[in-house]
Amino acid sequence: MSIEAPEVEYVTKTRVACDGGEGALGHPRVWLQIPPEVGWVECGYCDKKFILEDDAQPGH
């Protein structure tokens, strides 16, 4: 039995929202702030990883 890797999404903003992406099977929407010095953040509910692209803009 293998474990599926968490989803990864490349984004251009430092503020992102995650709701699990599966409608009623998702999770409550949370807003995440990506620290520019780190360049990524993971959702605490579903472990989805948001990675800043090189041309990312600050803010939302």
PDB file of N, CA and C in Angstrom:
ATOM      1  N   MET A   1       0.852  -1.175   0.000  1.00  0.00           N
ATOM      2  CA  MET A   1       0.000   0.000   0.000  1.00  0.00           C
ATOM      3  C   MET A   1       0.899   1.240   0.000  1.00  0.00           C
ATOM      4  N   SER A   2       0.657   2.142  -0.932  1.00  0.00           N
ATOM      5  CA  SER A   2       1.466   3.360  -1.003  1.00  0.00           C
ATOM      6  C   SER A   2       0.644   4.572  -0.583  1.00  0.00           C
ATOM      7  N   ILE A   3       1.351   5.569  -0.067  1.00  0.00           N
ATOM      8  CA  ILE A   3       0.714   6.808   0.370  1.00  0.00           C
ATOM      9  C   ILE A   3       0.893   7.845  -0.725  1.00  0.00           C
ATOM     10  N   GLU A   4      -0.201   8.489  -1.093  1.00  0.00           N
ATOM     11  CA  GLU A   4      -0.170   9.505  -2.132  1.00  0.00           C
ATOM     12  C   GLU A   4       0.550  10.760  -1.641  1.00  0.00           C
ATOM     13  N   ALA A   5       1.401  11.333  -2.485  1.00  0.00           N
ATOM     14  CA  ALA A   5       2.116  12.558  -2.125  1.00  0.00           C
ATOM     15  C   ALA A   5       1.143  13.729  -2.062  1.00  0.00           C
ATOM     16  N   PRO A   6       1.371  14.679  -1.142  1.00  0.00           N
ATOM     17  CA  PRO A   6       0.505  15.855  -1.072  1.00  0.00           C
ATOM     18  C   PRO A   6       0.554  16.651  -2.381  1.00  0.00           C
ATOM     19  N   GLU A   7      -0.539  17.321  -2.680  1.00  0.00           N
ATOM     20  CA  GLU A   7      -0.628  18.144  -3.880  1.00  0.00           C
ATOM     21  C   GLU A   7       0.286  19.359  -3.755  1.00  0.00           C
ATOM     22  N   VAL A   8       0.843  19.801  -4.877  1.00  0.00           N
ATOM     23  CA  VAL A   8       1.700  20.989  -4.923  1.00  0.00           C
ATOM     24  C   VAL A   8       1.104  21.962  -5.936  1.00  0.00           C
ATOM     25  N   GLU A   9       1.032  23.240  -5.556  1.00  0.00           N
ATOM     26  CA  GLU A   9       0.540  24.274  -6.468  1.00  0.00           C
ATOM     27  C   GLU A   9       1.532  25.424  -6.476  1.00  0.00           C
ATOM     28  N   TYR A  10       1.917  25.841  -7.684  1.00  0.00           N
ATOM     29  CA  TYR A  10       2.813  26.991  -7.846  1.00  0.00           C
ATOM     30  C   TYR A  10       1.954  28.242  -7.988  1.00  0.00           C
ATOM     31  N   VAL A  11       2.268  29.258  -7.207  1.00  0.00           N
ATOM     32  CA  VAL A  11       1.446  30.467  -7.149  1.00  0.00           C
ATOM     33  C   VAL A  11       2.303  31.707  -7.360  1.00  0.00           C
ATOM     34  N   THR A  12       1.632  32.827  -7.684  1.00  0.00           N
ATOM     35  CA  THR A  12       2.339  34.090  -7.920  1.00  0.00           C
ATOM     36  C   THR A  12       2.057  35.132  -6.848  1.00  0.00           C
ATOM     37  N   LYS A  13       1.258  34.774  -5.844  1.00  0.00           N
ATOM     38  CA  LYS A  13       0.931  35.689  -4.738  1.00  0.00           C
ATOM     39  C   LYS A  13       1.379  35.081  -3.422  1.00  0.00           C
ATOM     40  N   THR A  14       1.704  35.941  -2.450  1.00  0.00           N
ATOM     41  CA  THR A  14       2.155  35.443  -1.152  1.00  0.00           C
ATOM     42  C   THR A  14       0.992  35.071  -0.232  1.00  0.00           C
ATOM     43  N   ARG A  15      -0.226  35.444  -0.590  1.00  0.00           N
ATOM     44  CA  ARG A  15      -1.406  35.101   0.210  1.00  0.00           C
ATOM     45  C   ARG A  15      -2.291  34.187  -0.636  1.00  0.00           C
ATOM     46  N   VAL A  16      -2.568  32.997  -0.118  1.00  0.00           N
ATOM     47  CA  VAL A  16      -3.349  32.005  -0.852  1.00  0.00           C
ATOM     48  C   VAL A  16      -4.430  31.422   0.041  1.00  0.00           C
ATOM     49  N   ALA A  17      -5.476  30.872  -0.572  1.00  0.00           N
ATOM     50  CA  ALA A  17      -6.557  30.214   0.167  1.00  0.00           C
ATOM     51  C   ALA A  17      -6.561  28.731  -0.189  1.00  0.00           C
ATOM     52  N   CYS A  18      -6.907  27.916   0.797  1.00  0.00           N
ATOM     53  CA  CYS A  18      -7.027  26.484   0.558  1.00  0.00           C
ATOM     54  C   CYS A  18      -8.308  25.996   1.229  1.00  0.00           C
ATOM     55  N   ASP A  19      -9.091  25.200   0.482  1.00  0.00           N
ATOM     56  CA  ASP A  19     -10.317  24.629   1.041  1.00  0.00           C
ATOM     57  C   ASP A  19     -10.395  23.123   0.801  1.00  0.00           C
ATOM     58  N   GLY A  20      -9.286  22.529   0.464  1.00  0.00           N
ATOM     59  CA  GLY A  20      -9.272  21.094   0.214  1.00  0.00           C
ATOM     60  C   GLY A  20      -9.630  20.728  -1.205  1.00  0.00           C
ATOM     61  N   GLY A  21     -10.275  21.650  -1.918  1.00  0.00           N
ATOM     62  CA  GLY A  21     -10.560  21.489  -3.330  1.00  0.00           C
ATOM     63  C   GLY A  21     -11.518  20.391  -3.728  1.00  0.00           C
ATOM     64  N   GLU A  22     -12.239  19.791  -2.804  1.00  0.00           N
ATOM     65  CA  GLU A  22     -13.123  18.695  -3.174  1.00  0.00           C
ATOM     66  C   GLU A  22     -14.558  18.949  -2.746  1.00  0.00           C
ATOM     67  N   GLY A  23     -15.004  20.185  -2.826  1.00  0.00           N
ATOM     68  CA  GLY A  23     -16.381  20.511  -2.471  1.00  0.00           C
ATOM     69  C   GLY A  23     -16.704  20.136  -1.039  1.00  0.00           C
ATOM     70  N   ALA A  24     -17.765  19.364  -0.850  1.00  0.00           N
ATOM     71  CA  ALA A  24     -18.202  18.966   0.489  1.00  0.00           C
ATOM     72  C   ALA A  24     -17.190  18.051   1.183  1.00  0.00           C
ATOM     73  N   LEU A  25     -16.307  17.444   0.423  1.00  0.00           N
ATOM     74  CA  LEU A  25     -15.312  16.543   1.016  1.00  0.00           C
ATOM     75  C   LEU A  25     -14.030  17.271   1.387  1.00  0.00           C
ATOM     76  N   GLY A  26     -13.973  18.576   1.147  1.00  0.00           N
ATOM     77  CA  GLY A  26     -12.793  19.368   1.460  1.00  0.00           C
ATOM     78  C   GLY A  26     -12.716  19.695   2.947  1.00  0.00           C
ATOM     79  N   HIS A  27     -12.201  20.881   3.248  1.00  0.00           N
ATOM     80  CA  HIS A  27     -12.095  21.340   4.633  1.00  0.00           C
ATOM     81  C   HIS A  27     -12.436  22.823   4.675  1.00  0.00           C
ATOM     82  N   PRO A  28     -12.578  23.409   5.865  1.00  0.00           N
ATOM     83  CA  PRO A  28     -12.881  24.846   5.941  1.00  0.00           C
ATOM     84  C   PRO A  28     -11.806  25.658   5.207  1.00  0.00           C
ATOM     85  N   ARG A  29     -12.231  26.720   4.528  1.00  0.00           N
ATOM     86  CA  ARG A  29     -11.269  27.567   3.812  1.00  0.00           C
ATOM     87  C   ARG A  29     -10.360  28.273   4.809  1.00  0.00           C
ATOM     88  N   VAL A  30      -9.079  28.183   4.554  1.00  0.00           N
ATOM     89  CA  VAL A  30      -8.082  28.873   5.362  1.00  0.00           C
ATOM     90  C   VAL A  30      -7.231  29.735   4.444  1.00  0.00           C
ATOM     91  N   TRP A  31      -6.805  30.880   4.960  1.00  0.00           N
ATOM     92  CA  TRP A  31      -5.909  31.763   4.227  1.00  0.00           C
ATOM     93  C   TRP A  31      -4.498  31.561   4.769  1.00  0.00           C
ATOM     94  N   LEU A  32      -3.563  31.393   3.868  1.00  0.00           N
ATOM     95  CA  LEU A  32      -2.178  31.133   4.237  1.00  0.00           C
ATOM     96  C   LEU A  32      -1.289  32.239   3.691  1.00  0.00           C
ATOM     97  N   GLN A  33      -0.304  32.610   4.466  1.00  0.00           N
ATOM     98  CA  GLN A  33       0.662  33.636   4.061  1.00  0.00           C
ATOM     99  C   GLN A  33       1.996  32.944   3.800  1.00  0.00           C
ATOM    100  N   ILE A  34       2.551  33.145   2.603  1.00  0.00           N
ATOM    101  CA  ILE A  34       3.834  32.540   2.257  1.00  0.00           C
ATOM    102  C   ILE A  34       4.944  33.527   2.595  1.00  0.00           C
ATOM    103  N   PRO A  35       5.824  33.186   3.518  1.00  0.00           N
ATOM    104  CA  PRO A  35       6.949  34.080   3.809  1.00  0.00           C
ATOM    105  C   PRO A  35       7.889  34.122   2.599  1.00  0.00           C
ATOM    106  N   PRO A  36       8.122  35.307   2.015  1.00  0.00           N
ATOM    107  CA  PRO A  36       8.966  35.391   0.817  1.00  0.00           C
ATOM    108  C   PRO A  36      10.361  34.804   1.019  1.00  0.00           C
ATOM    109  N   GLU A  37      10.888  34.917   2.243  1.00  0.00           N
ATOM    110  CA  GLU A  37      12.232  34.389   2.492  1.00  0.00           C
ATOM    111  C   GLU A  37      12.255  32.854   2.503  1.00  0.00           C
ATOM    112  N   VAL A  38      11.086  32.222   2.748  1.00  0.00           N
ATOM    113  CA  VAL A  38      10.991  30.762   2.737  1.00  0.00           C
ATOM    114  C   VAL A  38      10.566  30.282   1.350  1.00  0.00           C
ATOM    115  N   GLY A  39       9.537  30.950   0.772  1.00  0.00           N
ATOM    116  CA  GLY A  39       9.094  30.624  -0.580  1.00  0.00           C
ATOM    117  C   GLY A  39       8.024  29.562  -0.685  1.00  0.00           C
ATOM    118  N   TRP A  40       7.525  29.045   0.427  1.00  0.00           N
ATOM    119  CA  TRP A  40       6.458  28.042   0.383  1.00  0.00           C
ATOM    120  C   TRP A  40       5.736  27.974   1.732  1.00  0.00           C
ATOM    121  N   VAL A  41       4.540  27.359   1.692  1.00  0.00           N
ATOM    122  CA  VAL A  41       3.765  27.121   2.909  1.00  0.00           C
ATOM    123  C   VAL A  41       2.912  25.878   2.665  1.00  0.00           C
ATOM    124  N   GLU A  42       2.611  25.140   3.735  1.00  0.00           N
ATOM    125  CA  GLU A  42       1.755  23.965   3.638  1.00  0.00           C
ATOM    126  C   GLU A  42       0.461  24.197   4.402  1.00  0.00           C
ATOM    127  N   CYS A  43      -0.632  23.688   3.846  1.00  0.00           N
ATOM    128  CA  CYS A  43      -1.927  23.755   4.512  1.00  0.00           C
ATOM    129  C   CYS A  43      -1.909  22.798   5.699  1.00  0.00           C
ATOM    130  N   GLY A  44      -2.371  23.260   6.845  1.00  0.00           N
ATOM    131  CA  GLY A  44      -2.420  22.436   8.043  1.00  0.00           C
ATOM    132  C   GLY A  44      -3.490  21.357   8.012  1.00  0.00           C
ATOM    133  N   TYR A  45      -4.475  21.499   7.113  1.00  0.00           N
ATOM    134  CA  TYR A  45      -5.533  20.498   7.009  1.00  0.00           C
ATOM    135  C   TYR A  45      -5.164  19.363   6.051  1.00  0.00           C
ATOM    136  N   CYS A  46      -4.757  19.725   4.841  1.00  0.00           N
ATOM    137  CA  CYS A  46      -4.592  18.705   3.797  1.00  0.00           C
ATOM    138  C   CYS A  46      -3.147  18.535   3.326  1.00  0.00           C
ATOM    139  N   ASP A  47      -2.226  19.304   3.884  1.00  0.00           N
ATOM    140  CA  ASP A  47      -0.796  19.228   3.547  1.00  0.00           C
ATOM    141  C   ASP A  47      -0.467  19.684   2.128  1.00  0.00           C
ATOM    142  N   LYS A  48      -1.430  20.306   1.448  1.00  0.00           N
ATOM    143  CA  LYS A  48      -1.139  20.852   0.127  1.00  0.00           C
ATOM    144  C   LYS A  48      -0.045  21.900   0.277  1.00  0.00           C
ATOM    145  N   LYS A  49       0.918  21.875  -0.622  1.00  0.00           N
ATOM    146  CA  LYS A  49       2.055  22.787  -0.548  1.00  0.00           C
ATOM    147  C   LYS A  49       1.919  23.854  -1.632  1.00  0.00           C
ATOM    148  N   PHE A  50       2.002  25.120  -1.217  1.00  0.00           N
ATOM    149  CA  PHE A  50       1.960  26.251  -2.132  1.00  0.00           C
ATOM    150  C   PHE A  50       3.377  26.805  -2.248  1.00  0.00           C
ATOM    151  N   ILE A  51       3.885  26.865  -3.471  1.00  0.00           N
ATOM    152  CA  ILE A  51       5.253  27.317  -3.718  1.00  0.00           C
ATOM    153  C   ILE A  51       5.216  28.584  -4.564  1.00  0.00           C
ATOM    154  N   LEU A  52       5.938  29.608  -4.114  1.00  0.00           N
ATOM    155  CA  LEU A  52       6.009  30.863  -4.862  1.00  0.00           C
ATOM    156  C   LEU A  52       6.832  30.685  -6.122  1.00  0.00           C
ATOM    157  N   GLU A  53       6.296  31.178  -7.233  1.00  0.00           N
ATOM    158  CA  GLU A  53       7.063  31.198  -8.472  1.00  0.00           C
ATOM    159  C   GLU A  53       8.084  32.329  -8.392  1.00  0.00           C
ATOM    160  N   ASP A  54       9.068  32.301  -9.269  1.00  0.00           N
ATOM    161  CA  ASP A  54      10.132  33.303  -9.255  1.00  0.00           C
ATOM    162  C   ASP A  54       9.617  34.727  -9.456  1.00  0.00           C
ATOM    163  N   ASP A  55       8.541  34.899 -10.224  1.00  0.00           N
ATOM    164  CA  ASP A  55       8.016  36.234 -10.519  1.00  0.00           C
ATOM    165  C   ASP A  55       6.850  36.610  -9.605  1.00  0.00           C
ATOM    166  N   ALA A  56       6.815  36.061  -8.403  1.00  0.00           N
ATOM    167  CA  ALA A  56       5.711  36.282  -7.465  1.00  0.00           C
ATOM    168  C   ALA A  56       5.628  37.736  -7.015  1.00  0.00           C
ATOM    169  N   GLN A  57       4.384  38.180  -6.766  1.00  0.00           N
ATOM    170  CA  GLN A  57       4.115  39.535  -6.296  1.00  0.00           C
ATOM    171  C   GLN A  57       3.678  39.488  -4.832  1.00  0.00           C
ATOM    172  N   PRO A  58       4.097  40.448  -4.025  1.00  0.00           N
ATOM    173  CA  PRO A  58       3.646  40.469  -2.628  1.00  0.00           C
ATOM    174  C   PRO A  58       2.163  40.810  -2.532  1.00  0.00           C
ATOM    175  N   GLY A  59       1.542  40.400  -1.436  1.00  0.00           N
ATOM    176  CA  GLY A  59       0.135  40.746  -1.196  1.00  0.00           C
ATOM    177  C   GLY A  59      -0.814  39.716  -1.738  1.00  0.00           C
ATOM    178  N   HIS A  60      -2.069  40.159  -1.944  1.00  0.00           N
ATOM    179  CA  HIS A  60      -3.106  39.247  -2.412  1.00  0.00           C
ATOM    180  C   HIS A  60      -3.682  39.798  -3.666  1.00  0.00           C
TER     181      HIS A  60
END
